[in-house]
Amino acid sequence: MFTVREAAVVVRELREDRGWNQSVLAEKAVVSRSFVADVEAGKATVEAGKLFDLFQALGFEVALRSLSSEEVRW
């Protein structure tokens, strides 16, 4: 299971790989800088839709993969 704490590490790593600060990522994802900070802190109550916006701004999309069949659904 992918947790917010695991997402926090990925978001921070991708952001830093691009040389962006939290404000740049927030602007590109159309979210607040404080939301980016909450995600990177692993805050469990972050809004999933906005988390997906961060990944999209970083050049990634989220898909669902079946644990039993490996089928990927968009």
PDB file of N, CA and C in Angstrom:
ATOM      1  N   MET A   1       0.841  -1.175   0.000  1.00  0.00           N
ATOM      2  CA  MET A   1       0.000   0.000   0.000  1.00  0.00           C
ATOM      3  C   MET A   1       0.893   1.248   0.000  1.00  0.00           C
ATOM      4  N   PHE A   2       0.551   2.198  -0.811  1.00  0.00           N
ATOM      5  CA  PHE A   2       1.290   3.453  -0.933  1.00  0.00           C
ATOM      6  C   PHE A   2       0.709   4.450   0.061  1.00  0.00           C
ATOM      7  N   THR A   3       1.517   4.920   0.997  1.00  0.00           N
ATOM      8  CA  THR A   3       1.037   5.835   2.030  1.00  0.00           C
ATOM      9  C   THR A   3       1.440   7.273   1.717  1.00  0.00           C
ATOM     10  N   VAL A   4       0.839   8.202   2.442  1.00  0.00           N
ATOM     11  CA  VAL A   4       1.188   9.611   2.269  1.00  0.00           C
ATOM     12  C   VAL A   4       2.654   9.828   2.630  1.00  0.00           C
ATOM     13  N   ARG A   5       3.147   9.123   3.613  1.00  0.00           N
ATOM     14  CA  ARG A   5       4.567   9.266   3.984  1.00  0.00           C
ATOM     15  C   ARG A   5       5.474   8.830   2.836  1.00  0.00           C
ATOM     16  N   GLU A   6       5.089   7.767   2.136  1.00  0.00           N
ATOM     17  CA  GLU A   6       5.872   7.332   0.978  1.00  0.00           C
ATOM     18  C   GLU A   6       5.746   8.340  -0.160  1.00  0.00           C
ATOM     19  N   ALA A   7       4.546   8.877  -0.347  1.00  0.00           N
ATOM     20  CA  ALA A   7       4.344   9.911  -1.366  1.00  0.00           C
ATOM     21  C   ALA A   7       5.189  11.137  -1.048  1.00  0.00           C
ATOM     22  N   ALA A   8       5.320  11.458   0.220  1.00  0.00           N
ATOM     23  CA  ALA A   8       6.106  12.614   0.644  1.00  0.00           C
ATOM     24  C   ALA A   8       7.536  12.519   0.140  1.00  0.00           C
ATOM     25  N   VAL A   9       8.123  11.347   0.293  1.00  0.00           N
ATOM     26  CA  VAL A   9       9.507  11.131  -0.132  1.00  0.00           C
ATOM     27  C   VAL A   9       9.621  11.287  -1.648  1.00  0.00           C
ATOM     28  N   VAL A  10       8.663  10.709  -2.378  1.00  0.00           N
ATOM     29  CA  VAL A  10       8.696  10.753  -3.841  1.00  0.00           C
ATOM     30  C   VAL A  10       8.512  12.190  -4.340  1.00  0.00           C
ATOM     31  N   VAL A  11       7.537  12.895  -3.788  1.00  0.00           N
ATOM     32  CA  VAL A  11       7.292  14.280  -4.210  1.00  0.00           C
ATOM     33  C   VAL A  11       8.536  15.135  -3.971  1.00  0.00           C
ATOM     34  N   ARG A  12       9.105  15.050  -2.788  1.00  0.00           N
ATOM     35  CA  ARG A  12      10.297  15.856  -2.473  1.00  0.00           C
ATOM     36  C   ARG A  12      11.453  15.513  -3.413  1.00  0.00           C
ATOM     37  N   GLU A  13      11.669  14.218  -3.635  1.00  0.00           N
ATOM     38  CA  GLU A  13      12.766  13.780  -4.501  1.00  0.00           C
ATOM     39  C   GLU A  13      12.574  14.293  -5.940  1.00  0.00           C
ATOM     40  N   LEU A  14      11.377  14.134  -6.482  1.00  0.00           N
ATOM     41  CA  LEU A  14      11.112  14.606  -7.847  1.00  0.00           C
ATOM     42  C   LEU A  14      11.246  16.123  -7.946  1.00  0.00           C
ATOM     43  N   ARG A  15      10.748  16.823  -6.927  1.00  0.00           N
ATOM     44  CA  ARG A  15      10.837  18.289  -6.921  1.00  0.00           C
ATOM     45  C   ARG A  15      12.302  18.733  -6.900  1.00  0.00           C
ATOM     46  N   GLU A  16      13.071  18.137  -6.027  1.00  0.00           N
ATOM     47  CA  GLU A  16      14.485  18.509  -5.912  1.00  0.00           C
ATOM     48  C   GLU A  16      15.268  18.124  -7.164  1.00  0.00           C
ATOM     49  N   ASP A  17      14.924  16.979  -7.790  1.00  0.00           N
ATOM     50  CA  ASP A  17      15.584  16.573  -9.036  1.00  0.00           C
ATOM     51  C   ASP A  17      15.417  17.636 -10.121  1.00  0.00           C
ATOM     52  N   ARG A  18      14.288  18.336 -10.082  1.00  0.00           N
ATOM     53  CA  ARG A  18      14.014  19.374 -11.075  1.00  0.00           C
ATOM     54  C   ARG A  18      14.588  20.734 -10.671  1.00  0.00           C
ATOM     55  N   GLY A  19      15.127  20.816  -9.461  1.00  0.00           N
ATOM     56  CA  GLY A  19      15.684  22.074  -8.984  1.00  0.00           C
ATOM     57  C   GLY A  19      14.615  23.085  -8.579  1.00  0.00           C
ATOM     58  N   TRP A  20      13.422  22.604  -8.288  1.00  0.00           N
ATOM     59  CA  TRP A  20      12.310  23.476  -7.906  1.00  0.00           C
ATOM     60  C   TRP A  20      12.238  23.607  -6.400  1.00  0.00           C
ATOM     61  N   ASN A  21      11.806  24.770  -5.933  1.00  0.00           N
ATOM     62  CA  ASN A  21      11.464  24.898  -4.524  1.00  0.00           C
ATOM     63  C   ASN A  21       9.971  24.602  -4.381  1.00  0.00           C
ATOM     64  N   GLN A  22       9.484  24.592  -3.158  1.00  0.00           N
ATOM     65  CA  GLN A  22       8.073  24.267  -2.928  1.00  0.00           C
ATOM     66  C   GLN A  22       7.138  25.254  -3.616  1.00  0.00           C
ATOM     67  N   SER A  23       7.523  26.508  -3.670  1.00  0.00           N
ATOM     68  CA  SER A  23       6.675  27.522  -4.302  1.00  0.00           C
ATOM     69  C   SER A  23       6.518  27.282  -5.802  1.00  0.00           C
ATOM     70  N   VAL A  24       7.592  26.879  -6.456  1.00  0.00           N
ATOM     71  CA  VAL A  24       7.529  26.597  -7.895  1.00  0.00           C
ATOM     72  C   VAL A  24       6.595  25.420  -8.152  1.00  0.00           C
ATOM     73  N   LEU A  25       6.752  24.350  -7.384  1.00  0.00           N
ATOM     74  CA  LEU A  25       5.870  23.195  -7.552  1.00  0.00           C
ATOM     75  C   LEU A  25       4.423  23.581  -7.293  1.00  0.00           C
ATOM     76  N   ALA A  26       4.191  24.346  -6.247  1.00  0.00           N
ATOM     77  CA  ALA A  26       2.830  24.776  -5.920  1.00  0.00           C
ATOM     78  C   ALA A  26       2.217  25.565  -7.070  1.00  0.00           C
ATOM     79  N   GLU A  27       2.989  26.453  -7.658  1.00  0.00           N
ATOM     80  CA  GLU A  27       2.485  27.254  -8.773  1.00  0.00           C
ATOM     81  C   GLU A  27       2.134  26.363  -9.965  1.00  0.00           C
ATOM     82  N   LYS A  28       3.012  25.430 -10.290  1.00  0.00           N
ATOM     83  CA  LYS A  28       2.779  24.549 -11.436  1.00  0.00           C
ATOM     84  C   LYS A  28       1.576  23.629 -11.218  1.00  0.00           C
ATOM     85  N   ALA A  29       1.324  23.230  -9.962  1.00  0.00           N
ATOM     86  CA  ALA A  29       0.217  22.327  -9.642  1.00  0.00           C
ATOM     87  C   ALA A  29      -1.059  23.079  -9.278  1.00  0.00           C
ATOM     88  N   VAL A  30      -0.960  24.389  -9.185  1.00  0.00           N
ATOM     89  CA  VAL A  30      -2.081  25.261  -8.791  1.00  0.00           C
ATOM     90  C   VAL A  30      -2.626  24.843  -7.420  1.00  0.00           C
ATOM     91  N   VAL A  31      -1.694  24.730  -6.477  1.00  0.00           N
ATOM     92  CA  VAL A  31      -2.019  24.480  -5.071  1.00  0.00           C
ATOM     93  C   VAL A  31      -1.205  25.468  -4.243  1.00  0.00           C
ATOM     94  N   SER A  32      -1.467  25.524  -2.957  1.00  0.00           N
ATOM     95  CA  SER A  32      -0.708  26.429  -2.099  1.00  0.00           C
ATOM     96  C   SER A  32       0.655  25.828  -1.745  1.00  0.00           C
ATOM     97  N   ARG A  33       1.607  26.696  -1.412  1.00  0.00           N
ATOM     98  CA  ARG A  33       2.912  26.214  -0.969  1.00  0.00           C
ATOM     99  C   ARG A  33       2.766  25.438   0.329  1.00  0.00           C
ATOM    100  N   SER A  34       1.834  25.858   1.180  1.00  0.00           N
ATOM    101  CA  SER A  34       1.633  25.139   2.441  1.00  0.00           C
ATOM    102  C   SER A  34       1.112  23.722   2.197  1.00  0.00           C
ATOM    103  N   PHE A  35       0.340  23.524   1.116  1.00  0.00           N
ATOM    104  CA  PHE A  35      -0.104  22.169   0.785  1.00  0.00           C
ATOM    105  C   PHE A  35       1.101  21.304   0.416  1.00  0.00           C
ATOM    106  N   VAL A  36       2.005  21.849  -0.396  1.00  0.00           N
ATOM    107  CA  VAL A  36       3.219  21.105  -0.766  1.00  0.00           C
ATOM    108  C   VAL A  36       4.004  20.756   0.501  1.00  0.00           C
ATOM    109  N   ALA A  37       4.117  21.702   1.410  1.00  0.00           N
ATOM    110  CA  ALA A  37       4.833  21.453   2.667  1.00  0.00           C
ATOM    111  C   ALA A  37       4.145  20.352   3.473  1.00  0.00           C
ATOM    112  N   ASP A  38       2.806  20.372   3.511  1.00  0.00           N
ATOM    113  CA  ASP A  38       2.072  19.329   4.239  1.00  0.00           C
ATOM    114  C   ASP A  38       2.315  17.954   3.624  1.00  0.00           C
ATOM    115  N   VAL A  39       2.310  17.885   2.293  1.00  0.00           N
ATOM    116  CA  VAL A  39       2.574  16.604   1.618  1.00  0.00           C
ATOM    117  C   VAL A  39       3.973  16.128   1.955  1.00  0.00           C
ATOM    118  N   GLU A  40       4.950  17.019   1.828  1.00  0.00           N
ATOM    119  CA  GLU A  40       6.339  16.624   2.075  1.00  0.00           C
ATOM    120  C   GLU A  40       6.597  16.282   3.539  1.00  0.00           C
ATOM    121  N   ALA A  41       5.726  16.757   4.422  1.00  0.00           N
ATOM    122  CA  ALA A  41       5.839  16.409   5.840  1.00  0.00           C
ATOM    123  C   ALA A  41       5.122  15.096   6.146  1.00  0.00           C
ATOM    124  N   GLY A  42       4.429  14.537   5.142  1.00  0.00           N
ATOM    125  CA  GLY A  42       3.732  13.280   5.335  1.00  0.00           C
ATOM    126  C   GLY A  42       2.424  13.409   6.085  1.00  0.00           C
ATOM    127  N   LYS A  43       1.840  14.613   6.069  1.00  0.00           N
ATOM    128  CA  LYS A  43       0.575  14.843   6.763  1.00  0.00           C
ATOM    129  C   LYS A  43      -0.502  13.938   6.172  1.00  0.00           C
ATOM    130  N   ALA A  44      -1.128  13.131   7.001  1.00  0.00           N
ATOM    131  CA  ALA A  44      -2.055  12.094   6.542  1.00  0.00           C
ATOM    132  C   ALA A  44      -3.377  12.640   6.017  1.00  0.00           C
ATOM    133  N   THR A  45      -3.672  13.893   6.262  1.00  0.00           N
ATOM    134  CA  THR A  45      -4.984  14.430   5.884  1.00  0.00           C
ATOM    135  C   THR A  45      -4.958  15.244   4.594  1.00  0.00           C
ATOM    136  N   VAL A  46      -3.922  15.107   3.776  1.00  0.00           N
ATOM    137  CA  VAL A  46      -3.872  15.865   2.522  1.00  0.00           C
ATOM    138  C   VAL A  46      -4.933  15.361   1.558  1.00  0.00           C
ATOM    139  N   GLU A  47      -5.446  16.267   0.744  1.00  0.00           N
ATOM    140  CA  GLU A  47      -6.492  15.924  -0.226  1.00  0.00           C
ATOM    141  C   GLU A  47      -5.886  15.142  -1.392  1.00  0.00           C
ATOM    142  N   ALA A  48      -6.451  13.982  -1.668  1.00  0.00           N
ATOM    143  CA  ALA A  48      -5.907  13.092  -2.699  1.00  0.00           C
ATOM    144  C   ALA A  48      -5.870  13.756  -4.065  1.00  0.00           C
ATOM    145  N   GLY A  49      -6.915  14.468  -4.433  1.00  0.00           N
ATOM    146  CA  GLY A  49      -6.959  15.113  -5.744  1.00  0.00           C
ATOM    147  C   GLY A  49      -5.824  16.096  -5.931  1.00  0.00           C
ATOM    148  N   LYS A  50      -5.518  16.836  -4.886  1.00  0.00           N
ATOM    149  CA  LYS A  50      -4.409  17.802  -4.962  1.00  0.00           C
ATOM    150  C   LYS A  50      -3.065  17.080  -5.008  1.00  0.00           C
ATOM    151  N   LEU A  51      -2.971  15.936  -4.324  1.00  0.00           N
ATOM    152  CA  LEU A  51      -1.746  15.142  -4.386  1.00  0.00           C
ATOM    153  C   LEU A  51      -1.514  14.676  -5.819  1.00  0.00           C
ATOM    154  N   PHE A  52      -2.585  14.237  -6.487  1.00  0.00           N
ATOM    155  CA  PHE A  52      -2.474  13.836  -7.892  1.00  0.00           C
ATOM    156  C   PHE A  52      -2.042  15.020  -8.755  1.00  0.00           C
ATOM    157  N   ASP A  53      -2.522  16.228  -8.422  1.00  0.00           N
ATOM    158  CA  ASP A  53      -2.101  17.435  -9.153  1.00  0.00           C
ATOM    159  C   ASP A  53      -0.592  17.650  -9.035  1.00  0.00           C
ATOM    160  N   LEU A  54      -0.035  17.373  -7.857  1.00  0.00           N
ATOM    161  CA  LEU A  54       1.416  17.512  -7.683  1.00  0.00           C
ATOM    162  C   LEU A  54       2.159  16.543  -8.592  1.00  0.00           C
ATOM    163  N   PHE A  55       1.723  15.287  -8.591  1.00  0.00           N
ATOM    164  CA  PHE A  55       2.386  14.300  -9.447  1.00  0.00           C
ATOM    165  C   PHE A  55       2.283  14.691 -10.914  1.00  0.00           C
ATOM    166  N   GLN A  56       1.129  15.191 -11.330  1.00  0.00           N
ATOM    167  CA  GLN A  56       0.961  15.604 -12.721  1.00  0.00           C
ATOM    168  C   GLN A  56       1.892  16.770 -13.051  1.00  0.00           C
ATOM    169  N   ALA A  57       2.011  17.724 -12.159  1.00  0.00           N
ATOM    170  CA  ALA A  57       2.913  18.859 -12.374  1.00  0.00           C
ATOM    171  C   ALA A  57       4.363  18.395 -12.468  1.00  0.00           C
ATOM    172  N   LEU A  58       4.668  17.281 -11.809  1.00  0.00           N
ATOM    173  CA  LEU A  58       6.014  16.713 -11.836  1.00  0.00           C
ATOM    174  C   LEU A  58       6.227  15.788 -13.038  1.00  0.00           C
ATOM    175  N   GLY A  59       5.178  15.634 -13.865  1.00  0.00           N
ATOM    176  CA  GLY A  59       5.306  14.838 -15.075  1.00  0.00           C
ATOM    177  C   GLY A  59       4.904  13.387 -14.921  1.00  0.00           C
ATOM    178  N   PHE A  60       4.130  13.068 -13.897  1.00  0.00           N
ATOM    179  CA  PHE A  60       3.691  11.703 -13.647  1.00  0.00           C
ATOM    180  C   PHE A  60       2.177  11.655 -13.543  1.00  0.00           C
ATOM    181  N   GLU A  61       1.601  10.478 -13.823  1.00  0.00           N
ATOM    182  CA  GLU A  61       0.188  10.270 -13.599  1.00  0.00           C
ATOM    183  C   GLU A  61       0.021   9.055 -12.709  1.00  0.00           C
ATOM    184  N   VAL A  62      -1.094   9.003 -12.024  1.00  0.00           N
ATOM    185  CA  VAL A  62      -1.360   7.910 -11.108  1.00  0.00           C
ATOM    186  C   VAL A  62      -2.339   6.955 -11.776  1.00  0.00           C
ATOM    187  N   ALA A  63      -2.024   5.672 -11.745  1.00  0.00           N
ATOM    188  CA  ALA A  63      -2.895   4.635 -12.293  1.00  0.00           C
ATOM    189  C   ALA A  63      -3.174   3.613 -11.200  1.00  0.00           C
ATOM    190  N   LEU A  64      -4.260   2.877 -11.366  1.00  0.00           N
ATOM    191  CA  LEU A  64      -4.599   1.804 -10.439  1.00  0.00           C
ATOM    192  C   LEU A  64      -4.141   0.480 -11.030  1.00  0.00           C
ATOM    193  N   ARG A  65      -3.453  -0.308 -10.224  1.00  0.00           N
ATOM    194  CA  ARG A  65      -2.984  -1.620 -10.678  1.00  0.00           C
ATOM    195  C   ARG A  65      -3.564  -2.676  -9.756  1.00  0.00           C
ATOM    196  N   SER A  66      -4.184  -3.678 -10.345  1.00  0.00           N
ATOM    197  CA  SER A  66      -4.754  -4.777  -9.571  1.00  0.00           C
ATOM    198  C   SER A  66      -3.632  -5.563  -8.891  1.00  0.00           C
ATOM    199  N   LEU A  67      -3.787  -5.802  -7.614  1.00  0.00           N
ATOM    200  CA  LEU A  67      -2.784  -6.578  -6.882  1.00  0.00           C
ATOM    201  C   LEU A  67      -2.799  -8.045  -7.303  1.00  0.00           C
ATOM    202  N   SER A  68      -3.950  -8.524  -7.741  1.00  0.00           N
ATOM    203  CA  SER A  68      -4.033  -9.942  -8.094  1.00  0.00           C
ATOM    204  C   SER A  68      -3.682 -10.227  -9.548  1.00  0.00           C
ATOM    205  N   SER A  69      -4.119  -9.364 -10.464  1.00  0.00           N
ATOM    206  CA  SER A  69      -3.902  -9.660 -11.883  1.00  0.00           C
ATOM    207  C   SER A  69      -2.875  -8.763 -12.569  1.00  0.00           C
ATOM    208  N   GLU A  70      -2.427  -7.735 -11.880  1.00  0.00           N
ATOM    209  CA  GLU A  70      -1.485  -6.749 -12.424  1.00  0.00           C
ATOM    210  C   GLU A  70      -2.130  -5.852 -13.497  1.00  0.00           C
ATOM    211  N   GLU A  71      -3.449  -5.988 -13.707  1.00  0.00           N
ATOM    212  CA  GLU A  71      -4.158  -5.145 -14.677  1.00  0.00           C
ATOM    213  C   GLU A  71      -4.048  -3.686 -14.242  1.00  0.00           C
ATOM    214  N   VAL A  72      -3.792  -2.804 -15.199  1.00  0.00           N
ATOM    215  CA  VAL A  72      -3.688  -1.372 -14.930  1.00  0.00           C
ATOM    216  C   VAL A  72      -4.933  -0.690 -15.453  1.00  0.00           C
ATOM    217  N   ARG A  73      -5.555   0.123 -14.609  1.00  0.00           N
ATOM    218  CA  ARG A  73      -6.739   0.891 -14.993  1.00  0.00           C
ATOM    219  C   ARG A  73      -6.418   2.363 -14.828  1.00  0.00           C
ATOM    220  N   TRP A  74      -6.867   3.183 -15.755  1.00  0.00           N
ATOM    221  CA  TRP A  74      -6.632   4.628 -15.704  1.00  0.00           C
ATOM    222  C   TRP A  74      -7.799   5.270 -15.110  1.00  0.00           C
TER     223      TRP A  74
END
